[in-house]
Amino acid sequence: MQFRVKTTIASAVLLSLTGGAALADGMVSLKDTPAPAAPSWSGLYFGGSIGYGRNDSKNNYHDSDGDRSSVSEDANGGLVSLVWGIDCMLRDRIVVGAFVDFDWSDIDRGFDGNEMTIDRSVNIGARLGYLITENTLLFATAGYSRAHFDNGGWWDFNNADGFGATLPGKGSVDFNGYFIGGGAETRLGASNFFLRGEVRYAKYDEEVTNAGTFAGVTYVDKEDPELWTGRLGVVYKLGRGEGPFADGSREVDTVKVANYTGIDVAKDAWAIYSGTVFALNGDFSRSGFVARSLGVYAEYDYEGGSPLTQFDAKDRSIDAMLGYMHYFGDVSAIVYLGMEIRDVDISPNDPTNDVRGTETGFKVAVEIETEGEGPLYYSFDGSYSTAFDSFFALGRVGYNAQRYVIGPEGAFYSDEGDWSARVGAFTKIPFTLRSMPSELTVHGGYQFIDEDDNGTNGGIGSTRAGGEGAYGGAMVKFLF
């Protein structure tokens, strides 16, 4: 018996530009087989989470005149994390493991023009756990942490600090330290998905943020930070026969995870992206909850300002979203709710561009797509994020020839009111890679931009969608 595999993955077009809604895809089919055995606690896993962080720091100042001060400072904000790890079960209830995770965050203090932001960190650690039931683990963690602090004027000295001139601090500083923490992890139903919650404390070494000599006085300013974080997320564990410590043989199973990677190119802009979508009920072919995490890296350039200046931008974002997928006959509908963190660095700084710096946003997305065997294919994707007031919409209509889908597409994208629109075509071609269901999507067309912007939002074409002209890209996805 064959069934349609609903993958709820990201569409090939504009995902790299928006971090937008995922698009279901009903082209790939697999053999229906019995449910897998319960997953082993030994093996590989990966996942994503959302959370909140609080930074407490001591600002320590001294100079050659003998002046000294120590001031307490704090910062707060959200974070999104990705984790990869491996566990090994010892005896009946003891689990040990190692992991690495990356946090993208918007933990900041101050205000625009005078702020400091913790925008990312990497953590390498180990954990020791005890199984209170066969499906629930209590654990402790410890390891190394490296956090990136970005200066937006907070570490600068100016007249208000008693100096006769602005004395700029370091543009950014990487702080190194250790972390300790603890949490719990429990299996969701009979699937290979686990809900994980964790609280951590990180202590970093003191680092110099501003130093020099002014009017014959040598000064040194340092930050001595610590960071509390809490996170809640979902991890997927490779089942029995899928991990290096697992027992049994691997069998073809229902699709539980979709992974996709792609590239998008337009005039004066390019982007790469990668994401993962999880069926939390263990089967994309049935209605149920889904979760996803998507990361995007883009670079673009534009002209603006007076006198006319060339600006180069790096635009990075990541989201973590929970959704529910429901089927109405041959049509699927999904609603996502979640959180996005986006960081935009512009060189040189463009104060007229509202899309710069780091923002944490609430995000909502909706998607509708046909899933039947009929010749007519259609889909709609839409999303909104409060991070830079971003809108995204994508519509497609196509001919479903079973071996491929082909047809026209249209899309709209807006950041802080600065918009772009696309008209083009797409095709989706399924294939199998080492028995793994896969699909290639190719798209292209023409992009229109907001020519009435007149430089009031950073100049014409000042978004990662790029300038007016041709666009194109490709995406490949794998199901397992």
Protein backbone atom coordinates (compact mmCIF):
# COMPACT_ATOMS: atom_id res chain seq x y z
CA MET A 1 0.00 0.00 0.00
CA GLN A 2 1.32 3.42 -0.91
CA PHE A 3 0.68 6.63 0.97
CA ARG A 4 1.45 10.29 0.35
CA VAL A 5 4.34 11.63 2.46
CA LYS A 6 3.62 15.12 3.78
CA THR A 7 6.98 16.71 4.42
CA THR A 8 5.97 20.26 5.42
CA ILE A 9 9.35 21.47 4.25
CA ALA A 10 10.40 24.94 3.18
CA SER A 11 9.71 25.99 -0.40
CA ALA A 12 12.63 26.59 -2.72
CA VAL A 13 11.68 30.20 -3.44
CA LEU A 14 12.29 32.99 -0.95
CA LEU A 15 12.94 30.75 2.03
CA SER A 16 16.51 31.92 1.77
CA LEU A 17 15.25 35.49 1.72
CA THR A 18 12.62 35.38 4.42
CA GLY A 19 13.14 32.58 6.85
CA GLY A 20 9.46 32.26 5.97
CA ALA A 21 6.78 29.59 6.21
CA ALA A 22 7.45 25.96 5.33
CA LEU A 23 5.74 24.48 2.26
CA ALA A 24 4.32 20.97 2.26
CA ASP A 25 5.30 18.68 -0.58
CA GLY A 26 3.34 15.59 -1.54
CA MET A 27 5.49 14.19 -4.33
CA VAL A 28 7.50 11.49 -2.54
CA SER A 29 6.05 8.08 -1.59
CA LEU A 30 7.39 5.24 0.59
CA LYS A 31 6.31 1.69 1.47
CA ASP A 32 4.02 1.56 4.49
CA THR A 33 5.69 -0.65 7.10
CA PRO A 34 5.12 -1.52 10.77
CA ALA A 35 6.02 1.07 13.42
CA PRO A 36 9.66 1.05 14.50
CA ALA A 37 10.97 -0.37 17.74
CA ALA A 38 11.38 1.98 20.67
CA PRO A 39 14.48 4.15 20.25
CA SER A 40 17.60 3.44 22.26
CA TRP A 41 19.05 6.12 24.55
CA SER A 42 22.39 5.26 22.94
CA GLY A 43 23.10 7.00 19.66
CA LEU A 44 23.11 10.28 17.79
CA TYR A 45 20.54 13.07 18.11
CA PHE A 46 19.92 16.62 16.92
CA GLY A 47 17.28 19.27 17.52
CA GLY A 48 16.32 22.86 18.18
CA SER A 49 14.94 25.01 21.00
CA ILE A 50 13.84 28.49 21.99
CA GLY A 51 14.71 30.20 25.24
CA TYR A 52 15.49 33.29 27.27
CA GLY A 53 18.73 34.68 28.65
CA ARG A 54 19.82 37.15 31.31
CA ASN A 55 23.32 38.62 31.47
CA ASP A 56 24.77 40.11 34.67
CA SER A 57 28.12 41.86 34.31
CA LYS A 58 30.55 43.94 36.32
CA ASN A 59 31.98 46.92 34.44
CA ASN A 60 35.42 47.47 36.02
CA TYR A 61 37.30 50.71 35.25
CA HIS A 62 40.67 52.04 36.37
CA ASP A 63 43.15 54.65 35.14
CA SER A 64 46.63 56.02 35.84
CA ASP A 65 45.17 58.85 37.99
CA GLY A 66 44.01 56.25 40.50
CA ASP A 67 40.32 56.39 39.65
CA ARG A 68 38.52 53.06 40.01
CA SER A 69 34.90 51.97 39.72
CA SER A 70 32.85 48.79 39.46
CA VAL A 71 29.29 49.06 38.14
CA SER A 72 26.70 46.30 37.80
CA GLU A 73 25.05 45.99 34.38
CA ASP A 74 22.44 43.60 32.99
CA ALA A 75 20.96 42.53 29.66
CA ASN A 76 17.95 40.40 28.73
CA GLY A 77 16.54 38.80 25.61
CA GLY A 78 15.54 35.71 23.66
CA LEU A 79 17.54 32.98 21.97
CA VAL A 80 17.16 30.17 19.45
CA SER A 81 19.43 27.11 19.62
CA LEU A 82 20.50 24.14 17.52
CA VAL A 83 22.09 21.08 19.16
CA TRP A 84 23.91 17.96 17.96
CA GLY A 85 24.97 15.21 20.34
CA ILE A 86 25.66 11.58 21.10
CA ASP A 87 24.65 9.50 24.13
CA CYS A 88 25.67 6.12 25.49
CA MET A 89 23.58 4.18 27.99
CA LEU A 90 25.56 2.57 30.83
CA ARG A 91 23.95 -0.19 32.86
CA ASP A 92 20.18 0.17 33.23
CA ARG A 93 19.58 3.82 34.15
CA ILE A 94 22.79 5.79 33.60
CA VAL A 95 23.28 7.82 30.40
CA VAL A 96 26.45 9.73 29.49
CA GLY A 97 26.96 11.88 26.42
CA ALA A 98 28.63 14.78 24.64
CA PHE A 99 27.11 17.60 22.60
CA VAL A 100 27.69 20.89 20.84
CA ASP A 101 25.10 23.63 20.46
CA PHE A 102 24.89 27.06 18.89
CA ASP A 103 22.79 29.92 20.29
CA TRP A 104 21.61 32.87 18.22
CA SER A 105 20.40 35.52 20.64
CA ASP A 106 19.21 39.09 21.13
CA ILE A 107 20.30 39.65 24.73
CA ASP A 108 20.88 43.39 24.91
CA ARG A 109 21.15 46.45 27.10
CA GLY A 110 20.89 50.15 26.30
CA PHE A 111 19.17 51.72 23.31
CA ASP A 112 19.82 52.33 19.61
CA GLY A 113 23.19 54.06 19.28
CA ASN A 114 24.22 53.14 22.83
CA GLU A 115 23.79 49.41 23.29
CA MET A 116 25.52 46.08 23.77
CA THR A 117 24.16 42.79 22.38
CA ILE A 118 25.06 39.16 23.02
CA ASP A 119 24.20 37.88 19.54
CA ARG A 120 25.60 34.34 19.48
CA SER A 121 27.50 31.68 21.42
CA VAL A 122 28.86 28.16 20.99
CA ASN A 123 28.90 25.58 23.77
CA ILE A 124 30.73 22.24 23.89
CA GLY A 125 29.80 20.02 26.78
CA ALA A 126 29.09 16.68 28.37
CA ARG A 127 26.10 15.40 30.26
CA LEU A 128 25.38 12.75 32.87
CA GLY A 129 21.82 11.53 33.30
CA TYR A 130 19.64 9.20 35.34
CA LEU A 131 16.52 7.52 33.91
CA ILE A 132 13.67 7.94 36.38
CA THR A 133 11.51 5.99 33.89
CA GLU A 134 12.45 4.26 30.63
CA ASN A 135 11.26 7.38 28.74
CA THR A 136 12.34 10.25 31.05
CA LEU A 137 15.89 11.38 31.85
CA LEU A 138 17.12 13.85 34.48
CA PHE A 139 20.58 15.17 33.62
CA ALA A 140 23.38 17.55 34.55
CA THR A 141 25.62 19.33 32.02
CA ALA A 142 28.98 21.11 32.07
CA GLY A 143 31.46 22.36 29.49
CA TYR A 144 33.10 25.19 27.58
CA SER A 145 31.27 28.30 26.36
CA ARG A 146 32.31 31.09 24.00
CA ALA A 147 29.98 34.09 23.66
CA HIS A 148 30.16 36.98 21.18
CA PHE A 149 29.35 40.46 22.56
CA ASP A 150 28.68 43.16 19.94
CA ASN A 151 29.26 46.83 20.83
CA GLY A 152 26.72 49.34 19.56
CA GLY A 153 28.15 52.29 21.51
CA TRP A 154 27.81 50.94 25.05
CA TRP A 155 31.57 50.50 25.53
CA ASP A 156 32.39 53.93 24.04
CA PHE A 157 33.41 56.88 26.24
CA ASN A 158 31.99 60.33 25.47
CA ASN A 159 31.44 63.73 27.04
CA ALA A 160 28.85 62.32 29.43
CA ASP A 161 31.61 60.12 30.87
CA GLY A 162 33.81 63.14 31.58
CA PHE A 163 35.96 62.87 28.46
CA GLY A 164 36.34 65.75 26.04
CA ALA A 165 35.94 63.47 23.02
CA THR A 166 34.35 60.19 22.00
CA LEU A 167 36.72 57.31 22.72
CA PRO A 168 35.39 54.25 20.87
CA GLY A 169 35.53 50.86 22.54
CA LYS A 170 36.12 47.57 20.80
CA GLY A 171 33.61 46.72 18.09
CA SER A 172 33.05 43.25 19.56
CA VAL A 173 34.62 40.86 22.05
CA ASP A 174 34.55 37.06 22.35
CA PHE A 175 34.30 35.95 25.97
CA ASN A 176 35.49 32.46 26.97
CA GLY A 177 34.37 30.54 30.02
CA TYR A 178 32.56 27.51 31.41
CA PHE A 179 28.95 26.52 31.95
CA ILE A 180 27.06 24.19 34.27
CA GLY A 181 23.42 23.26 34.10
CA GLY A 182 20.68 20.69 34.43
CA GLY A 183 17.40 19.64 32.94
CA ALA A 184 14.99 16.91 31.96
CA GLU A 185 14.18 15.07 28.75
CA THR A 186 11.12 12.94 28.02
CA ARG A 187 9.88 10.96 25.05
CA LEU A 188 6.87 12.26 23.11
CA GLY A 189 4.46 9.38 22.70
CA ALA A 190 5.89 6.38 20.85
CA SER A 191 8.05 8.45 18.51
CA ASN A 192 11.78 9.16 18.34
CA PHE A 193 11.14 12.78 19.37
CA PHE A 194 11.94 13.99 22.87
CA LEU A 195 11.01 17.19 24.69
CA ARG A 196 14.05 18.72 26.42
CA GLY A 197 14.20 21.54 28.96
CA GLU A 198 17.41 22.92 30.45
CA VAL A 199 18.70 25.75 32.63
CA ARG A 200 22.35 26.86 32.46
CA TYR A 201 24.75 29.20 34.20
CA ALA A 202 27.85 30.41 32.32
CA LYS A 203 30.77 32.33 33.79
CA TYR A 204 33.20 34.10 31.44
CA ASP A 205 36.69 35.51 31.86
CA GLU A 206 37.03 39.27 32.24
CA GLU A 207 38.02 41.02 28.98
CA VAL A 208 39.13 44.55 28.05
CA THR A 209 36.41 46.47 26.18
CA ASN A 210 38.04 49.92 25.97
CA ALA A 211 41.60 51.05 26.67
CA GLY A 212 43.97 53.85 25.67
CA THR A 213 45.48 57.16 26.65
CA PHE A 214 43.64 60.49 26.61
CA ALA A 215 44.98 63.86 27.82
CA GLY A 216 47.92 62.09 29.47
CA VAL A 217 45.71 59.61 31.38
CA THR A 218 45.94 55.89 30.61
CA TYR A 219 42.63 54.09 31.16
CA VAL A 220 41.36 50.50 31.01
CA ASP A 221 37.72 49.42 30.99
CA LYS A 222 36.76 45.75 31.38
CA GLU A 223 33.62 43.61 31.43
CA ASP A 224 33.27 40.61 33.73
CA PRO A 225 30.12 38.76 32.58
CA GLU A 226 27.96 35.83 33.55
CA LEU A 227 24.91 34.50 31.75
CA TRP A 228 21.80 32.60 32.83
CA THR A 229 19.76 30.84 30.13
CA GLY A 230 16.70 28.63 29.98
CA ARG A 231 15.62 26.72 26.88
CA LEU A 232 12.85 24.35 25.80
CA GLY A 233 13.04 22.35 22.60
CA VAL A 234 12.65 19.12 20.68
CA VAL A 235 15.38 16.63 19.76
CA TYR A 236 15.20 13.71 17.35
CA LYS A 237 17.03 10.51 18.28
CA LEU A 238 18.14 8.06 15.64
CA GLY A 239 16.23 4.87 16.32
CA ARG A 240 17.45 1.32 16.79
CA GLY A 241 19.64 0.26 13.92
CA GLU A 242 20.20 3.94 13.03
CA GLY A 243 22.85 4.87 15.59
CA PRO A 244 26.39 3.59 16.27
CA PHE A 245 25.41 2.05 19.63
CA ALA A 246 21.97 0.79 18.53
CA ASP A 247 20.92 -2.81 18.17
CA GLY A 248 18.79 -4.47 15.49
CA SER A 249 18.73 -3.83 11.75
CA ARG A 250 17.49 -0.74 9.96
CA GLU A 251 14.08 -1.01 8.27
CA VAL A 252 12.23 1.28 5.87
CA ASP A 253 9.93 3.34 8.02
CA THR A 254 7.48 6.21 7.89
CA VAL A 255 9.04 9.61 7.24
CA LYS A 256 9.73 11.50 10.47
CA VAL A 257 12.29 14.15 9.46
CA ALA A 258 12.79 16.35 6.41
CA ASN A 259 16.10 18.17 5.90
CA TYR A 260 16.59 20.76 3.16
CA THR A 261 19.38 23.01 1.91
CA GLY A 262 19.33 25.57 -0.88
CA ILE A 263 20.70 28.70 -2.50
CA ASP A 264 18.98 31.78 -3.92
CA VAL A 265 20.59 34.41 -6.16
CA ALA A 266 19.26 37.79 -7.31
CA LYS A 267 20.73 41.10 -8.47
CA ASP A 268 23.25 42.32 -5.86
CA ALA A 269 22.27 39.55 -3.42
CA TRP A 270 22.73 35.88 -2.63
CA ALA A 271 21.66 33.61 0.21
CA ILE A 272 22.12 30.08 1.48
CA TYR A 273 19.81 28.32 3.90
CA SER A 274 19.30 25.02 5.67
CA GLY A 275 16.55 23.70 7.87
CA THR A 276 14.96 20.66 9.44
CA VAL A 277 11.30 19.81 9.99
CA PHE A 278 10.13 17.15 12.47
CA ALA A 279 6.86 15.20 12.54
CA LEU A 280 6.34 15.02 16.29
CA ASN A 281 3.87 12.14 15.93
CA GLY A 282 6.56 10.18 14.07
CA ASP A 283 4.75 10.13 10.71
CA PHE A 284 4.37 12.93 8.15
CA SER A 285 1.48 11.06 6.53
CA ARG A 286 -0.91 11.73 9.45
CA SER A 287 -2.33 14.90 11.01
CA GLY A 288 -0.36 16.03 14.04
CA PHE A 289 2.10 18.47 15.52
CA VAL A 290 5.26 19.43 13.63
CA ALA A 291 8.32 21.50 14.57
CA ARG A 292 11.00 23.16 12.51
CA SER A 293 14.18 25.20 12.68
CA LEU A 294 15.58 27.20 9.75
CA GLY A 295 18.83 29.14 9.43
CA VAL A 296 19.61 31.69 6.70
CA TYR A 297 22.80 33.54 5.74
CA ALA A 298 22.57 36.29 3.10
CA GLU A 299 24.79 39.02 1.70
CA TYR A 300 23.61 41.99 -0.36
CA ASP A 301 24.73 45.48 -1.33
CA TYR A 302 22.95 48.71 -2.24
CA GLU A 303 23.53 52.43 -2.75
CA GLY A 304 22.01 55.16 -0.61
CA GLY A 305 22.62 58.21 1.55
CA SER A 306 23.95 61.63 0.69
CA PRO A 307 26.59 61.67 -0.64
CA LEU A 308 25.78 58.41 -2.46
CA THR A 309 27.47 55.52 -0.64
CA GLN A 310 27.93 51.82 -1.38
CA PHE A 311 26.74 49.68 1.55
CA ASP A 312 27.45 45.97 2.11
CA ALA A 313 25.18 43.95 4.39
CA LYS A 314 25.30 40.55 6.06
CA ASP A 315 21.87 39.27 7.06
CA ARG A 316 21.52 36.23 9.32
CA SER A 317 18.40 34.71 10.86
CA ILE A 318 17.17 31.57 12.58
CA ASP A 319 13.71 30.53 13.71
CA ALA A 320 12.21 27.79 15.88
CA MET A 321 8.50 27.08 15.34
CA LEU A 322 5.83 24.65 16.48
CA GLY A 323 2.90 23.89 14.19
CA TYR A 324 -0.10 21.69 13.63
CA MET A 325 -0.69 19.93 10.32
CA HIS A 326 -4.22 18.84 9.31
CA TYR A 327 -5.49 17.10 6.20
CA PHE A 328 -8.74 17.91 4.43
CA GLY A 329 -8.96 15.11 1.88
CA ASP A 330 -6.38 15.97 -0.79
CA VAL A 331 -5.40 19.31 0.80
CA SER A 332 -3.10 19.88 3.79
CA ALA A 333 -3.11 22.96 6.02
CA ILE A 334 -0.46 23.93 8.56
CA VAL A 335 -0.26 26.78 11.07
CA TYR A 336 3.07 27.60 12.75
CA LEU A 337 3.78 29.77 15.79
CA GLY A 338 7.27 30.50 17.05
CA MET A 339 10.19 32.84 17.43
CA GLU A 340 12.80 34.34 15.10
CA ILE A 341 16.12 36.04 15.76
CA ARG A 342 17.62 38.11 12.97
CA ASP A 343 20.90 40.00 12.85
CA VAL A 344 21.81 42.50 10.11
CA ASP A 345 25.29 44.07 9.95
CA ILE A 346 25.79 46.94 7.46
CA SER A 347 29.22 48.32 6.51
CA PRO A 348 29.68 51.23 6.73
CA ASN A 349 26.89 51.86 9.22
CA ASP A 350 23.74 53.19 7.53
CA PRO A 351 21.63 55.10 10.10
CA THR A 352 18.87 55.64 7.51
CA ASN A 353 18.24 51.89 7.23
CA ASP A 354 15.71 50.56 9.75
CA VAL A 355 16.75 46.96 8.96
CA ARG A 356 20.00 46.79 10.95
CA GLY A 357 21.14 45.39 14.26
CA THR A 358 19.64 42.40 16.04
CA GLU A 359 15.94 41.80 16.72
CA THR A 360 13.94 39.00 18.31
CA GLY A 361 10.47 38.56 16.87
CA PHE A 362 7.27 36.61 17.29
CA LYS A 363 6.53 34.69 14.10
CA VAL A 364 3.38 33.14 12.62
CA ALA A 365 3.10 31.22 9.35
CA VAL A 366 0.39 29.42 7.40
CA GLU A 367 0.54 27.09 4.41
CA ILE A 368 -1.97 25.29 2.22
CA GLU A 369 -1.12 22.69 -0.44
CA THR A 370 -2.75 20.01 -2.56
CA GLU A 371 -1.62 16.47 -1.78
CA GLY A 372 -3.64 14.33 -4.21
CA GLU A 373 -2.74 12.43 -7.36
CA GLY A 374 -4.73 14.74 -9.64
CA PRO A 375 -3.11 16.84 -12.37
CA LEU A 376 -3.78 20.19 -10.63
CA TYR A 377 -1.24 21.34 -8.06
CA TYR A 378 -1.51 24.54 -6.01
CA SER A 379 0.00 25.94 -2.84
CA PHE A 380 0.08 29.09 -0.73
CA ASP A 381 2.62 30.14 1.90
CA GLY A 382 2.46 33.20 4.13
CA SER A 383 4.30 34.43 7.21
CA TYR A 384 4.75 37.47 9.41
CA SER A 385 7.56 38.22 11.89
CA THR A 386 7.74 41.17 14.27
CA ALA A 387 11.54 41.12 13.77
CA PHE A 388 11.91 44.02 11.30
CA ASP A 389 8.16 43.83 10.55
CA SER A 390 8.68 41.19 7.85
CA PHE A 391 5.95 39.85 5.55
CA PHE A 392 6.21 36.96 3.11
CA ALA A 393 3.72 35.39 0.70
CA LEU A 394 4.21 32.79 -2.03
CA GLY A 395 1.66 31.27 -4.40
CA ARG A 396 2.14 28.45 -6.92
CA VAL A 397 -0.06 26.70 -9.46
CA GLY A 398 1.26 23.77 -11.48
CA TYR A 399 0.73 20.62 -13.47
CA ASN A 400 1.35 17.44 -11.49
CA ALA A 401 2.80 14.84 -13.88
CA GLN A 402 3.71 12.53 -10.94
CA ARG A 403 7.33 12.40 -12.10
CA TYR A 404 7.55 16.17 -11.72
CA VAL A 405 5.49 19.31 -11.00
CA ILE A 406 5.91 22.42 -13.13
CA GLY A 407 4.15 25.78 -13.23
CA PRO A 408 4.20 29.53 -12.49
CA GLU A 409 4.80 31.21 -9.14
CA GLY A 410 4.46 34.65 -7.58
CA ALA A 411 5.91 35.99 -4.34
CA PHE A 412 5.94 39.12 -2.16
CA TYR A 413 8.44 40.09 0.52
CA SER A 414 8.64 43.17 2.78
CA ASP A 415 10.97 44.45 5.53
CA GLU A 416 9.88 47.59 7.42
CA GLY A 417 7.73 48.54 4.41
CA ASP A 418 10.52 48.15 1.84
CA TRP A 419 9.13 45.51 -0.55
CA SER A 420 10.01 43.30 -3.48
CA ALA A 421 7.82 41.06 -5.67
CA ARG A 422 8.65 38.09 -7.88
CA VAL A 423 7.02 36.49 -10.90
CA GLY A 424 8.53 33.29 -12.25
CA ALA A 425 8.29 29.51 -12.66
CA PHE A 426 9.28 26.41 -10.70
CA THR A 427 9.73 22.68 -11.15
CA LYS A 428 10.06 19.90 -8.58
CA ILE A 429 11.74 16.61 -9.49
CA PRO A 430 11.79 13.61 -7.10
CA PHE A 431 14.69 11.14 -7.01
CA THR A 432 16.15 8.50 -4.70
CA LEU A 433 19.61 8.76 -3.17
CA ARG A 434 20.85 5.50 -1.62
CA SER A 435 17.24 4.46 -0.89
CA MET A 436 16.55 7.87 0.68
CA PRO A 437 13.54 9.74 -0.82
CA SER A 438 14.80 13.08 -2.12
CA GLU A 439 13.69 16.00 -4.25
CA LEU A 440 15.27 18.79 -6.29
CA THR A 441 13.44 22.10 -6.75
CA VAL A 442 14.59 24.69 -9.27
CA HIS A 443 13.03 28.15 -9.69
CA GLY A 444 13.63 31.42 -11.52
CA GLY A 445 12.03 34.56 -12.88
CA TYR A 446 12.04 38.35 -12.55
CA GLN A 447 12.04 40.46 -9.38
CA PHE A 448 10.50 43.93 -8.98
CA ILE A 449 11.45 46.26 -6.11
CA ASP A 450 10.05 49.32 -4.35
CA GLU A 451 11.31 52.17 -6.52
CA ASP A 452 9.37 54.76 -4.48
CA ASP A 453 11.57 54.14 -1.45
CA ASN A 454 13.84 57.06 -2.40
CA GLY A 455 16.43 56.07 0.15
CA THR A 456 14.20 56.66 3.21
CA ASN A 457 14.68 53.07 4.35
CA GLY A 458 18.32 52.64 3.46
CA GLY A 459 18.13 53.00 -0.31
CA ILE A 460 16.47 51.17 -3.18
CA GLY A 461 17.06 47.44 -3.05
CA SER A 462 18.21 47.52 0.59
CA THR A 463 16.87 44.09 1.57
CA ARG A 464 18.30 40.61 1.23
CA ALA A 465 15.84 39.98 -1.61
CA GLY A 466 18.24 42.00 -3.79
CA GLY A 467 17.69 44.50 -6.58
CA GLU A 468 15.41 44.52 -9.60
CA GLY A 469 16.21 41.92 -12.24
CA ALA A 470 16.45 38.18 -12.70
CA TYR A 471 16.45 35.73 -9.79
CA GLY A 472 16.97 31.99 -9.51
CA GLY A 473 17.97 29.19 -7.19
CA ALA A 474 17.75 25.55 -6.26
CA MET A 475 16.99 23.44 -3.23
CA VAL A 476 17.52 19.77 -2.39
CA LYS A 477 15.72 17.90 0.37
CA PHE A 478 16.10 14.51 2.00
CA LEU A 479 13.49 12.52 3.92
CA PHE A 480 14.19 9.96 6.61
